[in-house]
């Protein structure tokens, strides 16, 4: 049975990431309402939720792009909610982020995009950087594409290039924001397989935000379901599948909200209603 989380101040000493009563607001509107859970070292956690659930805000907060109003985010023994910006910059060097649209710089070649973190944050010789960027491209199946421009790549190839850039600094934690978004099923399956291969090869901790259940079931060790800024359920794939919680079942079974269902029924009625010609009306 999927486990609904309860807030606690205790920390799991074995966890790579620990969230405790995390609250994030935009202006006066609170988006995350006391989120608490742990991510174990070397596991893949999938964050599920519908549009507007708060899952993207949660991801942005985990990588330091949003500041929490209260609560704690523990990564590698540091509370990100309480450290200075300079210390946060050091931690970010151990985090890799693959953005939803790839976020590649269009004026740079694929190789330049991948090499950018190395040039910005290390003092490596250029010859070493060239070797490393080719290794990262090879790891994601883009060997030989370093001189291509992003505009010359397909959607799936852009995603892979973004992953190569995220891997450039050999991160301990890798974050994905909707890795399958906008891809056809075959290409999306390739990205899922890439995530599995990266986990197997590097034993890294991976956090994936998605609403694609097929991908989630394939890659996740555990899942957390976020709804309206709250943790609804947390557990293994099997526990989530077996859950009888109404909100979990609604999400996993793809059941529309009541008001949405009524609108769909009304539209279907209009579509199926017999058309009356002008002569018949008269």
Protein backbone atom coordinates (compact mmCIF):
# COMPACT_ATOMS: atom_id res chain seq x y z
CA UNK A 1 0.00 0.00 0.00
CA UNK A 2 1.39 3.42 -0.88
CA UNK A 3 2.33 5.33 2.22
CA UNK A 4 0.97 8.81 2.91
CA UNK A 5 3.79 10.82 4.40
CA UNK A 6 3.79 12.41 7.82
CA UNK A 7 5.96 15.36 8.75
CA UNK A 8 8.77 14.63 11.18
CA UNK A 9 11.88 16.47 12.29
CA UNK A 10 14.09 13.34 12.31
CA UNK A 11 16.48 12.76 9.42
CA UNK A 12 17.41 9.53 7.66
CA UNK A 13 21.19 9.34 7.91
CA UNK A 14 21.35 7.07 4.83
CA UNK A 15 19.35 9.40 2.59
CA UNK A 16 20.94 11.40 -0.20
CA UNK A 17 18.15 14.01 -0.01
CA UNK A 18 15.85 14.75 2.93
CA UNK A 19 12.95 17.23 2.82
CA UNK A 20 11.31 18.30 6.05
CA UNK A 21 8.14 20.43 6.19
CA UNK A 22 9.16 22.27 3.00
CA UNK A 23 7.00 25.28 2.16
CA UNK A 24 7.38 27.45 -0.94
CA UNK A 25 5.29 30.47 -1.89
CA UNK A 26 5.00 32.80 -4.86
CA UNK A 27 3.98 36.09 -3.30
CA UNK A 28 1.12 35.38 -0.92
CA UNK A 29 0.20 32.10 -2.59
CA UNK A 30 1.72 29.01 -0.99
CA UNK A 31 2.56 26.35 -3.60
CA UNK A 32 4.12 23.61 -1.47
CA UNK A 33 2.50 22.87 1.88
CA UNK A 34 4.90 21.13 4.23
CA UNK A 35 6.45 18.52 1.92
CA UNK A 36 8.41 15.77 3.70
CA UNK A 37 10.17 12.70 2.25
CA UNK A 38 13.60 11.10 1.74
CA UNK A 39 15.47 10.03 -1.38
CA UNK A 40 17.90 7.18 -0.86
CA UNK A 41 21.39 7.11 -2.32
CA UNK A 42 21.43 5.45 -5.75
CA UNK A 43 17.65 5.25 -6.23
CA UNK A 44 15.45 6.76 -8.92
CA UNK A 45 12.56 8.75 -7.48
CA UNK A 46 9.77 9.84 -9.80
CA UNK A 47 7.72 12.89 -8.81
CA UNK A 48 4.20 12.56 -10.19
CA UNK A 49 1.42 15.10 -10.33
CA UNK A 50 -0.97 16.87 -12.62
CA UNK A 51 -0.60 20.36 -14.05
CA UNK A 52 -0.40 22.92 -11.26
CA UNK A 53 0.26 20.29 -8.60
CA UNK A 54 3.55 21.85 -7.51
CA UNK A 55 5.91 19.18 -8.85
CA UNK A 56 7.91 21.61 -11.02
CA UNK A 57 8.20 24.05 -8.13
CA UNK A 58 9.48 21.20 -5.99
CA UNK A 59 12.12 20.35 -8.60
CA UNK A 60 13.22 23.97 -8.94
CA UNK A 61 13.54 24.23 -5.17
CA UNK A 62 15.62 21.05 -4.98
CA UNK A 63 18.18 22.43 -7.44
CA UNK A 64 18.28 25.83 -5.74
CA UNK A 65 16.36 27.87 -8.31
CA UNK A 66 13.65 28.67 -5.75
CA UNK A 67 14.11 29.56 -2.09
CA UNK A 68 11.75 27.91 0.41
CA UNK A 69 9.83 30.09 2.85
CA UNK A 70 10.38 27.54 5.59
CA UNK A 71 11.41 23.96 6.13
CA UNK A 72 14.60 22.09 5.33
CA UNK A 73 16.29 20.57 2.26
CA UNK A 74 19.21 18.36 3.26
CA UNK A 75 21.62 17.29 0.51
CA UNK A 76 24.99 15.78 1.38
CA UNK A 77 24.71 16.99 4.96
CA UNK A 78 23.89 20.59 4.04
CA UNK A 79 20.57 22.35 4.59
CA UNK A 80 20.05 24.22 1.32
CA UNK A 81 17.40 26.39 2.95
CA UNK A 82 19.96 27.90 5.33
CA UNK A 83 23.29 28.11 3.47
CA UNK A 84 24.92 31.08 1.77
CA UNK A 85 24.79 31.54 -2.01
CA UNK A 86 28.50 30.74 -2.40
CA UNK A 87 28.04 27.43 -0.61
CA UNK A 88 24.99 26.69 -2.74
CA UNK A 89 27.09 27.22 -5.86
CA UNK A 90 29.52 24.54 -4.67
CA UNK A 91 26.67 22.07 -4.11
CA UNK A 92 25.20 22.81 -7.56
CA UNK A 93 28.42 21.53 -9.10
CA UNK A 94 27.43 18.08 -7.85
CA UNK A 95 23.92 18.36 -9.28
CA UNK A 96 23.05 17.76 -12.93
CA UNK A 97 19.86 19.16 -14.46
CA UNK A 98 18.22 18.18 -17.74
CA UNK A 99 15.52 20.75 -18.49
CA UNK A 100 12.22 19.94 -20.18
CA UNK A 101 13.00 21.56 -23.53
CA UNK A 102 16.69 20.76 -23.39
CA UNK A 103 17.60 24.47 -22.90
CA UNK A 104 20.56 24.15 -25.26
CA UNK A 105 22.16 27.41 -26.39
CA UNK A 106 21.21 27.75 -30.04
CA UNK A 107 24.31 29.76 -30.97
CA UNK A 108 26.66 27.03 -29.67
CA UNK A 109 27.47 23.65 -31.15
CA UNK A 110 26.43 20.53 -29.26
CA UNK A 111 30.02 20.09 -28.10
CA UNK A 112 30.22 23.69 -26.88
CA UNK A 113 26.98 23.22 -24.95
CA UNK A 114 28.32 20.10 -23.22
CA UNK A 115 31.71 21.71 -22.52
CA UNK A 116 30.21 24.89 -21.05
CA UNK A 117 30.02 23.71 -17.39
CA UNK A 118 33.59 22.44 -17.60
CA UNK A 119 34.85 25.73 -18.97
CA UNK A 120 32.88 27.76 -16.43
CA UNK A 121 33.60 25.75 -13.29
CA UNK A 122 36.93 23.99 -13.78
CA UNK A 123 40.50 24.84 -14.74
CA UNK A 124 40.92 21.83 -17.00
CA UNK A 125 43.10 22.06 -20.07
CA UNK A 126 41.15 22.44 -23.31
CA UNK A 127 42.49 19.12 -24.57
CA UNK A 128 41.03 17.40 -21.48
CA UNK A 129 37.70 19.18 -21.95
CA UNK A 130 37.54 17.95 -25.54
CA UNK A 131 38.09 14.37 -24.39
CA UNK A 132 35.46 14.69 -21.69
CA UNK A 133 32.77 16.20 -23.90
CA UNK A 134 33.23 13.39 -26.41
CA UNK A 135 32.95 10.83 -23.62
CA UNK A 136 29.71 12.41 -22.38
CA UNK A 137 28.23 12.46 -25.89
CA UNK A 138 29.21 8.82 -26.34
CA UNK A 139 27.46 7.95 -23.05
CA UNK A 140 24.15 9.33 -24.37
CA UNK A 141 24.46 7.87 -27.87
CA UNK A 142 25.55 11.05 -29.66
CA UNK A 143 29.11 10.14 -30.56
CA UNK A 144 30.30 12.27 -33.49
CA UNK A 145 27.66 15.00 -33.10
CA UNK A 146 29.82 17.56 -31.28
CA UNK A 147 29.95 19.92 -34.28
CA UNK A 148 26.22 19.90 -34.97
CA UNK A 149 24.06 22.88 -34.03
CA UNK A 150 20.99 22.26 -31.82
CA UNK A 151 18.75 23.28 -34.73
CA UNK A 152 20.10 20.30 -36.68
CA UNK A 153 19.03 17.79 -34.04
CA UNK A 154 15.74 15.95 -33.64
CA UNK A 155 13.74 16.35 -30.43
CA UNK A 156 15.10 13.15 -28.94
CA UNK A 157 18.68 14.07 -29.84
CA UNK A 158 18.28 17.47 -28.16
CA UNK A 159 17.13 15.69 -24.99
CA UNK A 160 20.19 13.44 -25.12
CA UNK A 161 22.51 16.40 -25.68
CA UNK A 162 20.97 18.10 -22.65
CA UNK A 163 21.64 14.97 -20.60
CA UNK A 164 25.25 14.95 -21.79
CA UNK A 165 25.63 18.54 -20.57
CA UNK A 166 24.03 17.60 -17.25
CA UNK A 167 26.61 14.81 -16.91
CA UNK A 168 29.58 17.05 -17.71
CA UNK A 169 30.59 17.66 -14.08
CA UNK A 170 30.05 14.01 -13.05
CA UNK A 171 27.12 14.84 -10.74
CA UNK A 172 26.11 12.71 -7.77
CA UNK A 173 22.45 13.61 -8.29
CA UNK A 174 20.80 13.96 -11.69
CA UNK A 175 17.48 15.77 -12.16
CA UNK A 176 15.12 15.40 -15.13
CA UNK A 177 12.17 17.70 -15.86
CA UNK A 178 9.63 15.90 -18.07
CA UNK A 179 12.23 13.95 -20.09
CA UNK A 180 9.60 12.37 -22.38
CA UNK A 181 7.58 15.52 -23.04
CA UNK A 182 6.95 16.19 -26.73
CA UNK A 183 8.51 12.93 -27.92
CA UNK A 184 6.86 10.11 -29.81
CA UNK A 185 6.53 6.81 -27.90
CA UNK A 186 9.55 5.15 -29.53
CA UNK A 187 11.91 8.08 -28.87
CA UNK A 188 10.49 8.47 -25.33
CA UNK A 189 11.23 4.80 -24.67
CA UNK A 190 14.82 5.47 -25.73
CA UNK A 191 15.12 8.27 -23.16
CA UNK A 192 13.70 5.96 -20.48
CA UNK A 193 16.29 3.34 -21.40
CA UNK A 194 19.03 5.98 -21.21
CA UNK A 195 17.98 6.87 -17.66
CA UNK A 196 18.10 3.20 -16.68
CA UNK A 197 21.55 2.80 -18.24
CA UNK A 198 22.92 5.89 -16.47
CA UNK A 199 21.70 4.62 -13.12
CA UNK A 200 23.22 1.20 -13.72
CA UNK A 201 26.54 2.57 -14.97
CA UNK A 202 27.13 5.34 -12.45
CA UNK A 203 24.99 4.33 -9.42
CA UNK A 204 23.81 7.93 -9.21
CA UNK A 205 20.71 9.24 -7.48
CA UNK A 206 18.11 10.33 -10.06
CA UNK A 207 15.03 12.53 -9.59
CA UNK A 208 12.52 12.62 -12.44
CA UNK A 209 9.49 14.89 -12.69
CA UNK A 210 6.92 13.47 -15.12
CA UNK A 211 3.24 12.87 -15.72
CA UNK A 212 3.96 9.97 -18.09
CA UNK A 213 2.88 6.87 -16.17
CA UNK A 214 4.44 4.39 -18.62
CA UNK A 215 7.84 6.03 -18.10
CA UNK A 216 7.35 6.27 -14.34
CA UNK A 217 6.52 2.58 -13.98
CA UNK A 218 9.61 1.63 -15.98
CA UNK A 219 12.29 3.80 -14.36
CA UNK A 220 11.13 4.40 -10.77
CA UNK A 221 12.33 2.68 -7.64
CA UNK A 222 9.87 4.79 -5.70
CA UNK A 223 7.28 7.43 -6.54
CA UNK A 224 5.85 10.45 -4.78
CA UNK A 225 2.48 11.86 -5.86
CA UNK A 226 2.03 15.60 -5.37
CA UNK A 227 -1.45 17.13 -5.46
CA UNK A 228 -2.17 20.81 -4.82
CA UNK A 229 1.19 21.18 -3.10
CA UNK A 230 0.76 18.22 -0.77
CA UNK A 231 2.31 14.76 -0.71
CA UNK A 232 -0.64 12.43 -1.31
CA UNK A 233 1.32 9.17 -1.42
CA UNK A 234 4.87 7.87 -1.39
CA UNK A 235 6.05 4.33 -2.06
CA UNK A 236 7.41 1.78 -4.47
CA UNK A 237 5.87 1.22 -7.87
CA UNK A 238 4.08 -1.87 -6.57
CA UNK A 239 2.74 0.02 -3.55
CA UNK A 240 1.43 2.82 -5.71
CA UNK A 241 -0.27 0.40 -8.10
CA UNK A 242 -1.95 -1.33 -5.14
CA UNK A 243 -3.07 1.89 -3.44
CA UNK A 244 -6.77 2.34 -2.73
CA UNK A 245 -6.47 6.03 -1.88
CA UNK A 246 -9.08 7.85 -4.01
CA UNK A 247 -6.71 10.57 -5.23
CA UNK A 248 -4.03 8.05 -6.15
CA UNK A 249 -6.50 5.90 -8.03
CA UNK A 250 -7.90 8.95 -9.83
CA UNK A 251 -4.43 9.92 -11.05
CA UNK A 252 -3.20 6.42 -11.94
CA UNK A 253 -6.49 5.44 -13.60
CA UNK A 254 -6.65 8.77 -15.47
CA UNK A 255 -10.11 9.69 -14.16
CA UNK A 256 -11.18 13.25 -14.99
CA UNK A 257 -12.24 15.72 -12.32
CA UNK A 258 -16.06 15.80 -11.91
CA UNK A 259 -16.42 19.24 -13.48
CA UNK A 260 -14.16 18.24 -16.39
CA UNK A 261 -16.13 15.03 -16.87
CA UNK A 262 -19.38 17.00 -17.03
CA UNK A 263 -17.92 19.32 -19.66
CA UNK A 264 -16.73 16.35 -21.72
CA UNK A 265 -20.15 14.70 -21.49
CA UNK A 266 -21.81 17.92 -22.66
CA UNK A 267 -19.41 18.27 -25.60
CA UNK A 268 -19.98 14.63 -26.55
CA UNK A 269 -23.75 15.18 -26.44
CA UNK A 270 -23.41 18.16 -28.79
CA UNK A 271 -21.19 16.17 -31.12
CA UNK A 272 -23.53 13.19 -31.26
CA UNK A 273 -26.78 15.22 -31.54
CA UNK A 274 -28.43 14.80 -35.00
CA UNK A 275 -27.97 17.78 -37.25
CA UNK A 276 -31.25 19.41 -38.34
CA UNK A 277 -31.34 20.96 -41.81
CA UNK A 278 -32.85 24.37 -42.41
CA UNK A 279 -35.81 22.83 -44.32
CA UNK A 280 -36.58 20.43 -41.41
CA UNK A 281 -36.53 23.31 -38.91
CA UNK A 282 -39.10 25.18 -40.97
